[in-house]
Amino acid sequence: MQTLLMLSYSRTPGRDLLISAVLPFYPLYQAFLKTADAVAVLEELFFRRSKQDNFVPAKVREVTWHW
C-alpha cells in the first residue's frame, strides 16, 4: 500500500519502483548484519581479536590492562 501511494506522488515512478523492489529483501539483509555483529562480538569476547590489531601503538598496547 505504501509503495502504491509513493508511486502516485512520484515524479519518476519507474526509478522509484525499481528502488522499492529491494524492500522485500531488507529483512534478509538485516539478518545478515545481525549475524555478522554477533560473530564479531563473540570473537572479541572469547578470542580477544582486537588484541592482535595494530590500530593502537605498541607503547599504548603494552601499558593497557590485559584481562
PDB file of N, CA and C in Angstrom:
ATOM      1  N   MET A   1       0.829  -1.188   0.000  1.00  0.00           N
ATOM      2  CA  MET A   1       0.000   0.000   0.000  1.00  0.00           C
ATOM      3  C   MET A   1       0.876   1.256   0.000  1.00  0.00           C
ATOM      4  N   GLN A   2       1.928   1.254   0.816  1.00  0.00           N
ATOM      5  CA  GLN A   2       2.806   2.416   0.871  1.00  0.00           C
ATOM      6  C   GLN A   2       3.532   2.627  -0.455  1.00  0.00           C
ATOM      7  N   THR A   3       3.910   1.529  -1.110  1.00  0.00           N
ATOM      8  CA  THR A   3       4.601   1.647  -2.391  1.00  0.00           C
ATOM      9  C   THR A   3       3.679   2.253  -3.441  1.00  0.00           C
ATOM     10  N   LEU A   4       2.442   1.815  -3.470  1.00  0.00           N
ATOM     11  CA  LEU A   4       1.492   2.380  -4.427  1.00  0.00           C
ATOM     12  C   LEU A   4       1.242   3.863  -4.159  1.00  0.00           C
ATOM     13  N   LEU A   5       1.134   4.233  -2.915  1.00  0.00           N
ATOM     14  CA  LEU A   5       0.943   5.635  -2.562  1.00  0.00           C
ATOM     15  C   LEU A   5       2.161   6.460  -2.951  1.00  0.00           C
ATOM     16  N   MET A   6       3.346   5.913  -2.727  1.00  0.00           N
ATOM     17  CA  MET A   6       4.568   6.617  -3.105  1.00  0.00           C
ATOM     18  C   MET A   6       4.630   6.809  -4.616  1.00  0.00           C
ATOM     19  N   LEU A   7       4.262   5.773  -5.362  1.00  0.00           N
ATOM     20  CA  LEU A   7       4.303   5.870  -6.818  1.00  0.00           C
ATOM     21  C   LEU A   7       3.282   6.873  -7.351  1.00  0.00           C
ATOM     22  N   SER A   8       2.169   7.046  -6.660  1.00  0.00           N
ATOM     23  CA  SER A   8       1.171   8.011  -7.121  1.00  0.00           C
ATOM     24  C   SER A   8       1.655   9.453  -6.954  1.00  0.00           C
ATOM     25  N   TYR A   9       2.544   9.714  -5.999  1.00  0.00           N
ATOM     26  CA  TYR A   9       3.069  11.059  -5.773  1.00  0.00           C
ATOM     27  C   TYR A   9       4.431  11.272  -6.422  1.00  0.00           C
ATOM     28  N   SER A  10       5.019  10.258  -6.990  1.00  0.00           N
ATOM     29  CA  SER A  10       6.377  10.344  -7.501  1.00  0.00           C
ATOM     30  C   SER A  10       6.440  11.043  -8.855  1.00  0.00           C
ATOM     31  N   ARG A  11       7.519  11.776  -9.070  1.00  0.00           N
ATOM     32  CA  ARG A  11       7.774  12.385 -10.379  1.00  0.00           C
ATOM     33  C   ARG A  11       8.489  11.413 -11.305  1.00  0.00           C
ATOM     34  N   THR A  12       9.178  10.436 -10.721  1.00  0.00           N
ATOM     35  CA  THR A  12       9.895   9.422 -11.518  1.00  0.00           C
ATOM     36  C   THR A  12       9.471   8.051 -11.023  1.00  0.00           C
ATOM     37  N   PRO A  13       8.288   7.594 -11.400  1.00  0.00           N
ATOM     38  CA  PRO A  13       7.772   6.336 -10.859  1.00  0.00           C
ATOM     39  C   PRO A  13       8.581   5.108 -11.272  1.00  0.00           C
ATOM     40  N   GLY A  14       9.175   5.110 -12.456  1.00  0.00           N
ATOM     41  CA  GLY A  14       9.972   3.955 -12.880  1.00  0.00           C
ATOM     42  C   GLY A  14      11.180   3.745 -11.991  1.00  0.00           C
ATOM     43  N   ARG A  15      11.884   4.826 -11.700  1.00  0.00           N
ATOM     44  CA  ARG A  15      13.062   4.735 -10.840  1.00  0.00           C
ATOM     45  C   ARG A  15      12.662   4.358  -9.418  1.00  0.00           C
ATOM     46  N   ASP A  16      11.606   4.953  -8.925  1.00  0.00           N
ATOM     47  CA  ASP A  16      11.176   4.661  -7.560  1.00  0.00           C
ATOM     48  C   ASP A  16      10.640   3.241  -7.416  1.00  0.00           C
ATOM     49  N   LEU A  17      10.010   2.724  -8.459  1.00  0.00           N
ATOM     50  CA  LEU A  17       9.551   1.338  -8.428  1.00  0.00           C
ATOM     51  C   LEU A  17      10.738   0.383  -8.390  1.00  0.00           C
ATOM     52  N   LEU A  18      11.781   0.707  -9.149  1.00  0.00           N
ATOM     53  CA  LEU A  18      12.988  -0.118  -9.135  1.00  0.00           C
ATOM     54  C   LEU A  18      13.650  -0.095  -7.759  1.00  0.00           C
ATOM     55  N   ILE A  19      13.709   1.073  -7.157  1.00  0.00           N
ATOM     56  CA  ILE A  19      14.304   1.192  -5.818  1.00  0.00           C
ATOM     57  C   ILE A  19      13.463   0.441  -4.786  1.00  0.00           C
ATOM     58  N   SER A  20      12.140   0.544  -4.877  1.00  0.00           N
ATOM     59  CA  SER A  20      11.295  -0.122  -3.894  1.00  0.00           C
ATOM     60  C   SER A  20      11.231  -1.632  -4.108  1.00  0.00           C
ATOM     61  N   ALA A  21      11.748  -2.125  -5.232  1.00  0.00           N
ATOM     62  CA  ALA A  21      11.757  -3.574  -5.484  1.00  0.00           C
ATOM     63  C   ALA A  21      12.695  -4.306  -4.522  1.00  0.00           C
ATOM     64  N   VAL A  22      13.658  -3.607  -3.923  1.00  0.00           N
ATOM     65  CA  VAL A  22      14.586  -4.253  -2.997  1.00  0.00           C
ATOM     66  C   VAL A  22      14.042  -4.314  -1.574  1.00  0.00           C
ATOM     67  N   LEU A  23      12.950  -3.655  -1.299  1.00  0.00           N
ATOM     68  CA  LEU A  23      12.407  -3.625   0.062  1.00  0.00           C
ATOM     69  C   LEU A  23      12.052  -5.001   0.622  1.00  0.00           C
ATOM     70  N   PRO A  24      11.548  -5.947  -0.179  1.00  0.00           N
ATOM     71  CA  PRO A  24      11.273  -7.271   0.401  1.00  0.00           C
ATOM     72  C   PRO A  24      12.522  -8.010   0.863  1.00  0.00           C
ATOM     73  N   PHE A  25      13.680  -7.610   0.354  1.00  0.00           N
ATOM     74  CA  PHE A  25      14.928  -8.279   0.734  1.00  0.00           C
ATOM     75  C   PHE A  25      15.566  -7.668   1.977  1.00  0.00           C
ATOM     76  N   TYR A  26      15.008  -6.579   2.485  1.00  0.00           N
ATOM     77  CA  TYR A  26      15.599  -5.914   3.643  1.00  0.00           C
ATOM     78  C   TYR A  26      15.663  -6.796   4.891  1.00  0.00           C
ATOM     79  N   PRO A  27      14.660  -7.607   5.209  1.00  0.00           N
ATOM     80  CA  PRO A  27      14.789  -8.482   6.390  1.00  0.00           C
ATOM     81  C   PRO A  27      15.945  -9.476   6.273  1.00  0.00           C
ATOM     82  N   LEU A  28      16.212  -9.969   5.070  1.00  0.00           N
ATOM     83  CA  LEU A  28      17.367 -10.856   4.887  1.00  0.00           C
ATOM     84  C   LEU A  28      18.673 -10.120   5.122  1.00  0.00           C
ATOM     85  N   TYR A  29      18.755  -8.901   4.607  1.00  0.00           N
ATOM     86  CA  TYR A  29      19.945  -8.083   4.808  1.00  0.00           C
ATOM     87  C   TYR A  29      20.145  -7.774   6.289  1.00  0.00           C
ATOM     88  N   GLN A  30      19.063  -7.470   6.969  1.00  0.00           N
ATOM     89  CA  GLN A  30      19.145  -7.169   8.397  1.00  0.00           C
ATOM     90  C   GLN A  30      19.574  -8.403   9.193  1.00  0.00           C
ATOM     91  N   ALA A  31      19.093  -9.577   8.817  1.00  0.00           N
ATOM     92  CA  ALA A  31      19.506 -10.816   9.484  1.00  0.00           C
ATOM     93  C   ALA A  31      20.991 -11.073   9.253  1.00  0.00           C
ATOM     94  N   PHE A  32      21.470 -10.799   8.048  1.00  0.00           N
ATOM     95  CA  PHE A  32      22.898 -10.956   7.765  1.00  0.00           C
ATOM     96  C   PHE A  32      23.731 -10.019   8.636  1.00  0.00           C
ATOM     97  N   LEU A  33      23.312  -8.773   8.750  1.00  0.00           N
ATOM     98  CA  LEU A  33      24.064  -7.813   9.570  1.00  0.00           C
ATOM     99  C   LEU A  33      24.060  -8.198  11.048  1.00  0.00           C
ATOM    100  N   LYS A  34      22.924  -8.675  11.546  1.00  0.00           N
ATOM    101  CA  LYS A  34      22.855  -9.103  12.947  1.00  0.00           C
ATOM    102  C   LYS A  34      23.767 -10.302  13.197  1.00  0.00           C
ATOM    103  N   THR A  35      23.831 -11.219  12.235  1.00  0.00           N
ATOM    104  CA  THR A  35      24.708 -12.378  12.367  1.00  0.00           C
ATOM    105  C   THR A  35      26.165 -11.951  12.369  1.00  0.00           C
ATOM    106  N   ALA A  36      26.528 -11.052  11.456  1.00  0.00           N
ATOM    107  CA  ALA A  36      27.905 -10.561  11.411  1.00  0.00           C
ATOM    108  C   ALA A  36      28.266  -9.832  12.700  1.00  0.00           C
ATOM    109  N   ASP A  37      27.344  -9.072  13.245  1.00  0.00           N
ATOM    110  CA  ASP A  37      27.569  -8.367  14.503  1.00  0.00           C
ATOM    111  C   ASP A  37      27.760  -9.347  15.654  1.00  0.00           C
ATOM    112  N   ALA A  38      26.935 -10.386  15.705  1.00  0.00           N
ATOM    113  CA  ALA A  38      27.051 -11.388  16.773  1.00  0.00           C
ATOM    114  C   ALA A  38      28.375 -12.135  16.682  1.00  0.00           C
ATOM    115  N   VAL A  39      28.804 -12.469  15.470  1.00  0.00           N
ATOM    116  CA  VAL A  39      30.096 -13.151  15.295  1.00  0.00           C
ATOM    117  C   VAL A  39      31.232 -12.254  15.775  1.00  0.00           C
ATOM    118  N   ALA A  40      31.190 -10.981  15.429  1.00  0.00           N
ATOM    119  CA  ALA A  40      32.244 -10.057  15.846  1.00  0.00           C
ATOM    120  C   ALA A  40      32.297  -9.915  17.368  1.00  0.00           C
ATOM    121  N   VAL A  41      31.140  -9.809  18.000  1.00  0.00           N
ATOM    122  CA  VAL A  41      31.111  -9.661  19.458  1.00  0.00           C
ATOM    123  C   VAL A  41      31.608 -10.934  20.139  1.00  0.00           C
ATOM    124  N   LEU A  42      31.197 -12.088  19.653  1.00  0.00           N
ATOM    125  CA  LEU A  42      31.636 -13.346  20.259  1.00  0.00           C
ATOM    126  C   LEU A  42      33.133 -13.575  20.065  1.00  0.00           C
ATOM    127  N   GLU A  43      33.657 -13.226  18.891  1.00  0.00           N
ATOM    128  CA  GLU A  43      35.098 -13.343  18.682  1.00  0.00           C
ATOM    129  C   GLU A  43      35.869 -12.438  19.643  1.00  0.00           C
ATOM    130  N   GLU A  44      35.335 -11.249  19.868  1.00  0.00           N
ATOM    131  CA  GLU A  44      36.013 -10.329  20.779  1.00  0.00           C
ATOM    132  C   GLU A  44      35.943 -10.842  22.220  1.00  0.00           C
ATOM    133  N   LEU A  45      34.796 -11.368  22.622  1.00  0.00           N
ATOM    134  CA  LEU A  45      34.655 -11.848  23.996  1.00  0.00           C
ATOM    135  C   LEU A  45      35.506 -13.085  24.283  1.00  0.00           C
ATOM    136  N   PHE A  46      35.517 -14.021  23.353  1.00  0.00           N
ATOM    137  CA  PHE A  46      36.180 -15.295  23.624  1.00  0.00           C
ATOM    138  C   PHE A  46      37.611 -15.386  23.097  1.00  0.00           C
ATOM    139  N   PHE A  47      37.918 -14.697  22.021  1.00  0.00           N
ATOM    140  CA  PHE A  47      39.246 -14.836  21.428  1.00  0.00           C
ATOM    141  C   PHE A  47      40.070 -13.563  21.457  1.00  0.00           C
ATOM    142  N   ARG A  48      39.478 -12.465  21.927  1.00  0.00           N
ATOM    143  CA  ARG A  48      40.159 -11.168  22.041  1.00  0.00           C
ATOM    144  C   ARG A  48      40.870 -10.815  20.742  1.00  0.00           C
ATOM    145  N   ARG A  49      40.149 -10.755  19.650  1.00  0.00           N
ATOM    146  CA  ARG A  49      40.714 -10.492  18.324  1.00  0.00           C
ATOM    147  C   ARG A  49      41.344  -9.105  18.227  1.00  0.00           C
ATOM    148  N   SER A  50      40.825  -8.123  18.924  1.00  0.00           N
ATOM    149  CA  SER A  50      41.359  -6.770  18.778  1.00  0.00           C
ATOM    150  C   SER A  50      42.753  -6.632  19.380  1.00  0.00           C
ATOM    151  N   LYS A  51      43.151  -7.571  20.212  1.00  0.00           N
ATOM    152  CA  LYS A  51      44.498  -7.517  20.774  1.00  0.00           C
ATOM    153  C   LYS A  51      45.545  -7.695  19.676  1.00  0.00           C
ATOM    154  N   GLN A  52      45.186  -8.375  18.597  1.00  0.00           N
ATOM    155  CA  GLN A  52      46.116  -8.612  17.504  1.00  0.00           C
ATOM    156  C   GLN A  52      46.122  -7.478  16.483  1.00  0.00           C
ATOM    157  N   ASP A  53      45.198  -6.526  16.581  1.00  0.00           N
ATOM    158  CA  ASP A  53      45.134  -5.415  15.626  1.00  0.00           C
ATOM    159  C   ASP A  53      46.237  -4.405  15.918  1.00  0.00           C
ATOM    160  N   ASN A  54      46.666  -3.716  14.883  1.00  0.00           N
ATOM    161  CA  ASN A  54      47.713  -2.713  15.034  1.00  0.00           C
ATOM    162  C   ASN A  54      47.159  -1.292  14.984  1.00  0.00           C
ATOM    163  N   PHE A  55      45.900  -1.107  15.313  1.00  0.00           N
ATOM    164  CA  PHE A  55      45.356   0.245  15.274  1.00  0.00           C
ATOM    165  C   PHE A  55      45.742   1.048  16.514  1.00  0.00           C
ATOM    166  N   VAL A  56      46.326   0.418  17.495  1.00  0.00           N
ATOM    167  CA  VAL A  56      46.814   1.094  18.690  1.00  0.00           C
ATOM    168  C   VAL A  56      48.335   0.966  18.694  1.00  0.00           C
ATOM    169  N   PRO A  57      49.057   2.064  18.962  1.00  0.00           N
ATOM    170  CA  PRO A  57      50.520   1.964  19.007  1.00  0.00           C
ATOM    171  C   PRO A  57      50.992   0.956  20.058  1.00  0.00           C
ATOM    172  N   ALA A  58      52.137   0.359  19.808  1.00  0.00           N
ATOM    173  CA  ALA A  58      52.666  -0.686  20.684  1.00  0.00           C
ATOM    174  C   ALA A  58      52.871  -0.178  22.109  1.00  0.00           C
ATOM    175  N   LYS A  59      53.347   1.064  22.279  1.00  0.00           N
ATOM    176  CA  LYS A  59      53.596   1.586  23.626  1.00  0.00           C
ATOM    177  C   LYS A  59      52.293   1.713  24.422  1.00  0.00           C
ATOM    178  N   VAL A  60      51.187   2.033  23.753  1.00  0.00           N
ATOM    179  CA  VAL A  60      49.899   2.127  24.428  1.00  0.00           C
ATOM    180  C   VAL A  60      49.377   0.731  24.740  1.00  0.00           C
ATOM    181  N   ARG A  61      49.538  -0.180  23.794  1.00  0.00           N
ATOM    182  CA  ARG A  61      49.061  -1.545  23.979  1.00  0.00           C
ATOM    183  C   ARG A  61      49.784  -2.236  25.130  1.00  0.00           C
ATOM    184  N   GLU A  62      51.050  -1.927  25.354  1.00  0.00           N
ATOM    185  CA  GLU A  62      51.822  -2.572  26.418  1.00  0.00           C
ATOM    186  C   GLU A  62      51.414  -2.100  27.815  1.00  0.00           C
ATOM    187  N   VAL A  63      50.937  -0.881  27.952  1.00  0.00           N
ATOM    188  CA  VAL A  63      50.610  -0.364  29.277  1.00  0.00           C
ATOM    189  C   VAL A  63      49.127  -0.510  29.616  1.00  0.00           C
ATOM    190  N   THR A  64      48.312  -0.979  28.678  1.00  0.00           N
ATOM    191  CA  THR A  64      46.897  -1.144  28.989  1.00  0.00           C
ATOM    192  C   THR A  64      46.668  -2.397  29.804  1.00  0.00           C
ATOM    193  N   TRP A  65      45.527  -2.432  30.450  1.00  0.00           N
ATOM    194  CA  TRP A  65      45.170  -3.540  31.313  1.00  0.00           C
ATOM    195  C   TRP A  65      44.787  -4.747  30.467  1.00  0.00           C
ATOM    196  N   HIS A  66      45.379  -5.888  30.692  1.00  0.00           N
ATOM    197  CA  HIS A  66      45.080  -7.127  29.950  1.00  0.00           C
ATOM    198  C   HIS A  66      44.338  -8.072  30.891  1.00  0.00           C
ATOM    199  N   TRP A  67      43.189  -8.532  30.483  1.00  0.00           N
ATOM    200  CA  TRP A  67      42.399  -9.425  31.316  1.00  0.00           C
ATOM    201  C   TRP A  67      42.375 -10.772  30.747  1.00  0.00           C
TER     202      TRP A  67
END
